[in-house]
Amino acid sequence: MERTELGRDIETALGEVLDHVRGHTELPCRVVDDPAASQIVTLRKRFGLSRQNFAD
């Protein structure tokens, strides 16, 4: 059975993960700021958005 392009992409990605876990390669990473609830309320009010509109 021939592998699909998606299957090959998944296989490649899993290989990269294994190389990282084994310490053979570094993967890019990002630090994501987790804003405090008060910061979110301030932003919502500044833009005049309801909780639902801000969430959307």
Protein backbone atom coordinates (compact mmCIF):
# COMPACT_ATOMS: atom_id res chain seq x y z
CA MET A 1 0.00 0.00 0.00
CA GLU A 2 1.38 3.40 -0.98
CA ARG A 3 1.58 6.13 1.65
CA THR A 4 -0.31 9.36 1.11
CA GLU A 5 1.27 12.79 1.22
CA LEU A 6 -0.45 13.41 4.56
CA GLY A 7 0.94 10.15 5.90
CA ARG A 8 4.47 11.11 4.82
CA ASP A 9 4.06 14.57 6.43
CA ILE A 10 2.94 12.99 9.71
CA GLU A 11 5.83 10.53 9.60
CA THR A 12 8.29 13.39 9.06
CA ALA A 13 6.78 15.43 11.90
CA LEU A 14 6.91 12.48 14.30
CA GLY A 15 10.53 11.90 13.34
CA GLU A 16 11.30 15.52 14.25
CA VAL A 17 9.58 15.08 17.61
CA LEU A 18 11.56 11.91 18.35
CA ASP A 19 14.83 13.63 17.41
CA HIS A 20 13.96 16.46 19.80
CA VAL A 21 12.99 14.12 22.64
CA ARG A 22 16.24 12.22 22.17
CA GLY A 23 18.21 15.48 22.34
CA HIS A 24 19.43 15.33 18.72
CA THR A 25 17.80 18.55 17.57
CA GLU A 26 16.30 21.79 18.86
CA LEU A 27 12.77 22.69 17.88
CA PRO A 28 11.59 26.31 17.66
CA CYS A 29 9.47 27.46 20.56
CA ARG A 30 7.49 30.53 21.55
CA VAL A 31 6.76 32.00 24.95
CA VAL A 32 3.08 32.86 25.19
CA ASP A 33 2.05 35.52 27.66
CA ASP A 34 -0.91 34.45 29.76
CA PRO A 35 -2.66 37.74 30.54
CA ALA A 36 -4.31 38.26 33.90
CA ALA A 37 -8.09 38.57 34.04
CA SER A 38 -7.79 42.28 34.82
CA GLN A 39 -5.78 42.82 31.63
CA ILE A 40 -8.46 41.06 29.59
CA VAL A 41 -11.23 43.20 31.11
CA THR A 42 -9.21 46.34 30.35
CA LEU A 43 -8.74 45.29 26.72
CA ARG A 44 -12.41 44.39 26.29
CA LYS A 45 -13.50 47.77 27.66
CA ARG A 46 -10.95 49.66 25.56
CA PHE A 47 -12.33 48.08 22.38
CA GLY A 48 -15.95 48.19 23.55
CA LEU A 49 -16.45 44.44 23.19
CA SER A 50 -18.75 42.12 25.05
CA ARG A 51 -17.27 39.00 26.63
CA GLN A 52 -18.65 36.88 23.76
CA ASN A 53 -17.39 39.21 21.02
CA PHE A 54 -13.95 39.36 22.62
CA ALA A 55 -13.87 35.55 22.89
CA ASP A 56 -14.91 35.16 19.26
